[in-house]
Amino acid sequence: PRTLQFCYSQYGKPALVSEASSDPLFFNVSHSHGMALYAISRNLNIGVDIEYMRMDIECEQIAVRFFSPYEVSMLLAVPKGVQHEAFFNCWTRKEAYIKGRGLGLSLDLNQFDVSLTPGEPAAILNIREEGQDVSRWSLHALSPGPGYKAALVVEGHPSNIKCWQWTGV
């Protein structure tokens, strides 16, 4: 552990300083309301986000400000009883994508659309940024625990994803 060195992109994404390795290690971290989510990958950029689903937020107002017009219309189309879940599906998926890209909020959230309807697969539906292609990324919904939503984005299409859950000691 003492030999590990970290560096940061111009947007603040941490990375390991690697020694001419052909097998680089990528990682990402998110935390919310006492729970943390870590993702580690060999050779593939990744991003994660976890959020505790607070019920006291104004989903529609936040969505209008930060989501794409398509996502806002989809959010308003879901039944009111699952609107908070849909909101957090969208939020975690968008956040995971921008973290996977390593661009933080310098990437305009209107530049891409993600799925959000509860029960439908997680997906990046459209990217309006020149030079980017939807097929380049895979998006995965995660189930970290009751009351939480989480997402993982991977640059590429990994053949398997393994999840482990640790509890406090």
C-alpha atoms as a PDB file:
ATOM      1  CA  PRO A   1       0.000   0.000   0.000  1.00  0.00           C
ATOM      2  CA  ARG A   2       2.859   2.425   0.661  1.00  0.00           C
ATOM      3  CA  THR A   3       3.950   2.244  -2.960  1.00  0.00           C
ATOM      4  CA  LEU A   4       0.560   3.254  -4.338  1.00  0.00           C
ATOM      5  CA  GLN A   5       0.421   6.770  -5.711  1.00  0.00           C
ATOM      6  CA  PHE A   6      -2.637   8.654  -6.850  1.00  0.00           C
ATOM      7  CA  CYS A   7      -3.052  11.342  -9.447  1.00  0.00           C
ATOM      8  CA  TYR A   8      -6.101  13.379 -10.469  1.00  0.00           C
ATOM      9  CA  SER A   9      -7.498  14.378 -13.836  1.00  0.00           C
ATOM     10  CA  GLN A  10      -8.119  18.040 -14.565  1.00  0.00           C
ATOM     11  CA  TYR A  11     -11.729  17.376 -13.474  1.00  0.00           C
ATOM     12  CA  GLY A  12     -10.746  15.744 -10.172  1.00  0.00           C
ATOM     13  CA  LYS A  13     -11.191  12.049 -11.008  1.00  0.00           C
ATOM     14  CA  PRO A  14      -8.636  10.044  -9.015  1.00  0.00           C
ATOM     15  CA  ALA A  15      -6.490   7.366 -10.657  1.00  0.00           C
ATOM     16  CA  LEU A  16      -3.534   5.216  -9.733  1.00  0.00           C
ATOM     17  CA  VAL A  17      -0.174   6.290 -11.078  1.00  0.00           C
ATOM     18  CA  SER A  18       0.809   3.242 -13.100  1.00  0.00           C
ATOM     19  CA  GLU A  19       4.196   1.975 -14.099  1.00  0.00           C
ATOM     20  CA  ALA A  20       4.040   1.173 -17.814  1.00  0.00           C
ATOM     21  CA  SER A  21       1.558  -1.591 -17.095  1.00  0.00           C
ATOM     22  CA  SER A  22      -0.376  -3.130 -19.940  1.00  0.00           C
ATOM     23  CA  ASP A  23      -3.059  -4.057 -17.399  1.00  0.00           C
ATOM     24  CA  PRO A  24      -4.104  -0.764 -15.746  1.00  0.00           C
ATOM     25  CA  LEU A  25      -6.419  -0.704 -12.753  1.00  0.00           C
ATOM     26  CA  PHE A  26      -9.393   1.683 -12.832  1.00  0.00           C
ATOM     27  CA  PHE A  27     -11.638   2.519  -9.881  1.00  0.00           C
ATOM     28  CA  ASN A  28     -14.453   4.789  -8.788  1.00  0.00           C
ATOM     29  CA  VAL A  29     -16.199   5.543  -5.498  1.00  0.00           C
ATOM     30  CA  SER A  30     -19.528   6.966  -4.375  1.00  0.00           C
ATOM     31  CA  HIS A  31     -21.203   7.266  -0.984  1.00  0.00           C
ATOM     32  CA  SER A  32     -24.554   8.363   0.395  1.00  0.00           C
ATOM     33  CA  HIS A  33     -26.282   8.224   3.783  1.00  0.00           C
ATOM     34  CA  GLY A  34     -23.815   5.835   5.434  1.00  0.00           C
ATOM     35  CA  MET A  35     -23.311   3.478   2.476  1.00  0.00           C
ATOM     36  CA  ALA A  36     -20.333   3.394   0.110  1.00  0.00           C
ATOM     37  CA  LEU A  37     -19.974   1.852  -3.330  1.00  0.00           C
ATOM     38  CA  TYR A  38     -16.598   0.972  -4.848  1.00  0.00           C
ATOM     39  CA  ALA A  39     -15.973  -0.219  -8.396  1.00  0.00           C
ATOM     40  CA  ILE A  40     -12.683  -1.677  -9.613  1.00  0.00           C
ATOM     41  CA  SER A  41     -11.813  -2.732 -13.143  1.00  0.00           C
ATOM     42  CA  ARG A  42      -8.865  -3.859 -15.193  1.00  0.00           C
ATOM     43  CA  ASN A  43      -8.459  -2.065 -18.528  1.00  0.00           C
ATOM     44  CA  LEU A  44     -11.952  -0.443 -18.599  1.00  0.00           C
ATOM     45  CA  ASN A  45     -12.996   3.037 -17.478  1.00  0.00           C
ATOM     46  CA  ILE A  46     -15.788   2.862 -14.916  1.00  0.00           C
ATOM     47  CA  GLY A  47     -18.067   5.141 -12.935  1.00  0.00           C
ATOM     48  CA  VAL A  48     -20.486   4.506 -10.073  1.00  0.00           C
ATOM     49  CA  ASP A  49     -23.080   6.431  -8.156  1.00  0.00           C
ATOM     50  CA  ILE A  50     -25.184   5.540  -5.141  1.00  0.00           C
ATOM     51  CA  GLU A  51     -27.966   7.655  -3.683  1.00  0.00           C
ATOM     52  CA  TYR A  52     -30.242   7.304  -0.695  1.00  0.00           C
ATOM     53  CA  MET A  53     -33.779   7.896  -2.002  1.00  0.00           C
ATOM     54  CA  ARG A  54     -34.883  10.868   0.051  1.00  0.00           C
ATOM     55  CA  MET A  55     -38.597  11.409  -0.242  1.00  0.00           C
ATOM     56  CA  ASP A  56     -38.480  15.101   0.707  1.00  0.00           C
ATOM     57  CA  ILE A  57     -37.029  16.394  -2.553  1.00  0.00           C
ATOM     58  CA  GLU A  58     -38.881  18.071  -5.407  1.00  0.00           C
ATOM     59  CA  CYS A  59     -38.177  15.580  -8.174  1.00  0.00           C
ATOM     60  CA  GLU A  60     -39.896  17.509 -10.942  1.00  0.00           C
ATOM     61  CA  GLN A  61     -38.146  20.818 -10.175  1.00  0.00           C
ATOM     62  CA  ILE A  62     -34.708  19.180 -10.032  1.00  0.00           C
ATOM     63  CA  ALA A  63     -35.389  17.148 -13.178  1.00  0.00           C
ATOM     64  CA  VAL A  64     -36.419  20.236 -15.174  1.00  0.00           C
ATOM     65  CA  ARG A  65     -33.166  21.905 -14.154  1.00  0.00           C
ATOM     66  CA  PHE A  66     -30.739  19.002 -14.699  1.00  0.00           C
ATOM     67  CA  PHE A  67     -32.294  16.260 -16.861  1.00  0.00           C
ATOM     68  CA  SER A  68     -32.676  16.278 -20.627  1.00  0.00           C
ATOM     69  CA  PRO A  69     -36.103  17.206 -22.051  1.00  0.00           C
ATOM     70  CA  TYR A  70     -36.624  13.541 -23.005  1.00  0.00           C
ATOM     71  CA  GLU A  71     -35.869  12.381 -19.449  1.00  0.00           C
ATOM     72  CA  VAL A  72     -38.200  15.017 -17.977  1.00  0.00           C
ATOM     73  CA  SER A  73     -41.020  13.827 -20.247  1.00  0.00           C
ATOM     74  CA  MET A  74     -40.363  10.209 -19.240  1.00  0.00           C
ATOM     75  CA  LEU A  75     -40.318  11.142 -15.546  1.00  0.00           C
ATOM     76  CA  LEU A  76     -43.644  12.956 -15.856  1.00  0.00           C
ATOM     77  CA  ALA A  77     -45.119   9.959 -17.703  1.00  0.00           C
ATOM     78  CA  VAL A  78     -44.490   7.421 -14.919  1.00  0.00           C
ATOM     79  CA  PRO A  79     -47.167   6.988 -12.232  1.00  0.00           C
ATOM     80  CA  LYS A  80     -46.741   9.363  -9.263  1.00  0.00           C
ATOM     81  CA  GLY A  81     -46.225   6.361  -6.961  1.00  0.00           C
ATOM     82  CA  VAL A  82     -42.928   5.463  -8.646  1.00  0.00           C
ATOM     83  CA  GLN A  83     -41.786   8.937  -9.651  1.00  0.00           C
ATOM     84  CA  HIS A  84     -39.162   9.175  -6.873  1.00  0.00           C
ATOM     85  CA  GLU A  85     -37.731   5.794  -7.875  1.00  0.00           C
ATOM     86  CA  ALA A  86     -37.605   6.883 -11.519  1.00  0.00           C
ATOM     87  CA  PHE A  87     -35.936  10.147 -10.522  1.00  0.00           C
ATOM     88  CA  PHE A  88     -33.186   8.344  -8.593  1.00  0.00           C
ATOM     89  CA  ASN A  89     -32.752   5.815 -11.415  1.00  0.00           C
ATOM     90  CA  CYS A  90     -32.062   8.728 -13.747  1.00  0.00           C
ATOM     91  CA  TRP A  91     -29.860  10.640 -11.306  1.00  0.00           C
ATOM     92  CA  THR A  92     -27.573   7.708 -10.453  1.00  0.00           C
ATOM     93  CA  ARG A  93     -27.286   6.622 -14.098  1.00  0.00           C
ATOM     94  CA  LYS A  94     -26.367  10.122 -15.280  1.00  0.00           C
ATOM     95  CA  GLU A  95     -23.893  10.587 -12.430  1.00  0.00           C
ATOM     96  CA  ALA A  96     -22.250   7.201 -13.059  1.00  0.00           C
ATOM     97  CA  TYR A  97     -21.836   8.075 -16.753  1.00  0.00           C
ATOM     98  CA  ILE A  98     -20.201  11.451 -16.168  1.00  0.00           C
ATOM     99  CA  LYS A  99     -17.923   9.886 -13.547  1.00  0.00           C
ATOM    100  CA  GLY A 100     -17.021   7.080 -15.958  1.00  0.00           C
ATOM    101  CA  ARG A 101     -16.116   9.667 -18.559  1.00  0.00           C
ATOM    102  CA  GLY A 102     -14.014  11.462 -15.941  1.00  0.00           C
ATOM    103  CA  LEU A 103     -15.441  14.841 -16.894  1.00  0.00           C
ATOM    104  CA  GLY A 104     -17.519  15.677 -13.828  1.00  0.00           C
ATOM    105  CA  LEU A 105     -20.139  18.341 -14.295  1.00  0.00           C
ATOM    106  CA  SER A 106     -18.157  19.879 -17.149  1.00  0.00           C
ATOM    107  CA  LEU A 107     -20.210  17.448 -19.264  1.00  0.00           C
ATOM    108  CA  ASP A 108     -23.627  19.008 -19.827  1.00  0.00           C
ATOM    109  CA  LEU A 109     -26.306  16.668 -18.476  1.00  0.00           C
ATOM    110  CA  ASN A 110     -28.496  17.589 -21.464  1.00  0.00           C
ATOM    111  CA  GLN A 111     -25.977  15.954 -23.820  1.00  0.00           C
ATOM    112  CA  PHE A 112     -27.226  12.422 -23.151  1.00  0.00           C
ATOM    113  CA  ASP A 113     -30.352  10.469 -22.175  1.00  0.00           C
ATOM    114  CA  VAL A 114     -30.606   7.461 -19.868  1.00  0.00           C
ATOM    115  CA  SER A 115     -33.469   5.094 -19.138  1.00  0.00           C
ATOM    116  CA  LEU A 116     -35.313   5.741 -15.897  1.00  0.00           C
ATOM    117  CA  THR A 117     -38.621   3.845 -15.852  1.00  0.00           C
ATOM    118  CA  PRO A 118     -38.678   1.371 -12.936  1.00  0.00           C
ATOM    119  CA  GLY A 119     -38.527  -2.223 -14.163  1.00  0.00           C
ATOM    120  CA  GLU A 120     -36.877  -1.351 -17.484  1.00  0.00           C
ATOM    121  CA  PRO A 121     -33.178  -2.161 -18.054  1.00  0.00           C
ATOM    122  CA  ALA A 122     -30.586   0.502 -17.356  1.00  0.00           C
ATOM    123  CA  ALA A 123     -29.327   1.984 -20.620  1.00  0.00           C
ATOM    124  CA  ILE A 124     -27.699   5.005 -22.163  1.00  0.00           C
ATOM    125  CA  LEU A 125     -30.277   5.802 -24.814  1.00  0.00           C
ATOM    126  CA  ASN A 126     -28.720   8.681 -26.705  1.00  0.00           C
ATOM    127  CA  ILE A 127     -25.534  10.765 -26.689  1.00  0.00           C
ATOM    128  CA  ARG A 128     -25.648  14.100 -28.514  1.00  0.00           C
ATOM    129  CA  GLU A 129     -21.960  14.847 -28.013  1.00  0.00           C
ATOM    130  CA  GLU A 130     -19.901  14.701 -31.189  1.00  0.00           C
ATOM    131  CA  GLY A 131     -17.508  11.755 -31.320  1.00  0.00           C
ATOM    132  CA  GLN A 132     -19.351   9.720 -28.659  1.00  0.00           C
ATOM    133  CA  ASP A 133     -21.323   6.560 -29.355  1.00  0.00           C
ATOM    134  CA  VAL A 134     -23.907   4.840 -27.140  1.00  0.00           C
ATOM    135  CA  SER A 135     -22.471   1.424 -27.997  1.00  0.00           C
ATOM    136  CA  ARG A 136     -19.150   2.366 -26.410  1.00  0.00           C
ATOM    137  CA  TRP A 137     -20.622   2.215 -22.873  1.00  0.00           C
ATOM    138  CA  SER A 138     -22.675  -0.262 -20.859  1.00  0.00           C
ATOM    139  CA  LEU A 139     -24.892   0.857 -17.997  1.00  0.00           C
ATOM    140  CA  HIS A 140     -25.995  -1.382 -15.137  1.00  0.00           C
ATOM    141  CA  ALA A 141     -28.501  -0.850 -12.330  1.00  0.00           C
ATOM    142  CA  LEU A 142     -27.269  -2.037  -8.941  1.00  0.00           C
ATOM    143  CA  SER A 143     -29.300  -2.973  -5.848  1.00  0.00           C
ATOM    144  CA  PRO A 144     -27.192  -1.929  -2.865  1.00  0.00           C
ATOM    145  CA  GLY A 145     -29.975  -2.163  -0.284  1.00  0.00           C
ATOM    146  CA  PRO A 146     -33.453  -0.975   0.676  1.00  0.00           C
ATOM    147  CA  GLY A 147     -33.959   2.731   0.124  1.00  0.00           C
ATOM    148  CA  TYR A 148     -30.964   3.118  -2.198  1.00  0.00           C
ATOM    149  CA  LYS A 149     -30.457   3.333  -5.941  1.00  0.00           C
ATOM    150  CA  ALA A 150     -27.105   2.820  -7.634  1.00  0.00           C
ATOM    151  CA  ALA A 151     -25.620   2.525 -11.098  1.00  0.00           C
ATOM    152  CA  LEU A 152     -22.400   1.357 -12.712  1.00  0.00           C
ATOM    153  CA  VAL A 153     -21.159   2.439 -16.123  1.00  0.00           C
ATOM    154  CA  VAL A 154     -18.358   0.636 -17.934  1.00  0.00           C
ATOM    155  CA  GLU A 155     -16.542   1.694 -21.062  1.00  0.00           C
ATOM    156  CA  GLY A 156     -17.059  -1.450 -23.092  1.00  0.00           C
ATOM    157  CA  HIS A 157     -19.082  -4.549 -22.416  1.00  0.00           C
ATOM    158  CA  PRO A 158     -17.540  -6.725 -19.705  1.00  0.00           C
ATOM    159  CA  SER A 159     -18.270 -10.430 -19.856  1.00  0.00           C
ATOM    160  CA  ASN A 160     -19.068 -10.546 -16.150  1.00  0.00           C
ATOM    161  CA  ILE A 161     -19.631  -8.205 -13.248  1.00  0.00           C
ATOM    162  CA  LYS A 162     -19.127  -9.459  -9.717  1.00  0.00           C
ATOM    163  CA  CYS A 163     -20.692  -7.803  -6.689  1.00  0.00           C
ATOM    164  CA  TRP A 164     -19.733  -8.257  -3.070  1.00  0.00           C
ATOM    165  CA  GLN A 165     -21.368  -6.758  -0.039  1.00  0.00           C
ATOM    166  CA  TRP A 166     -19.537  -6.107   3.205  1.00  0.00           C
ATOM    167  CA  THR A 167     -21.116  -5.079   6.461  1.00  0.00           C
ATOM    168  CA  GLY A 168     -19.447  -3.047   9.172  1.00  0.00           C
ATOM    169  CA  VAL A 169     -17.293  -4.724  11.780  1.00  0.00           C
END
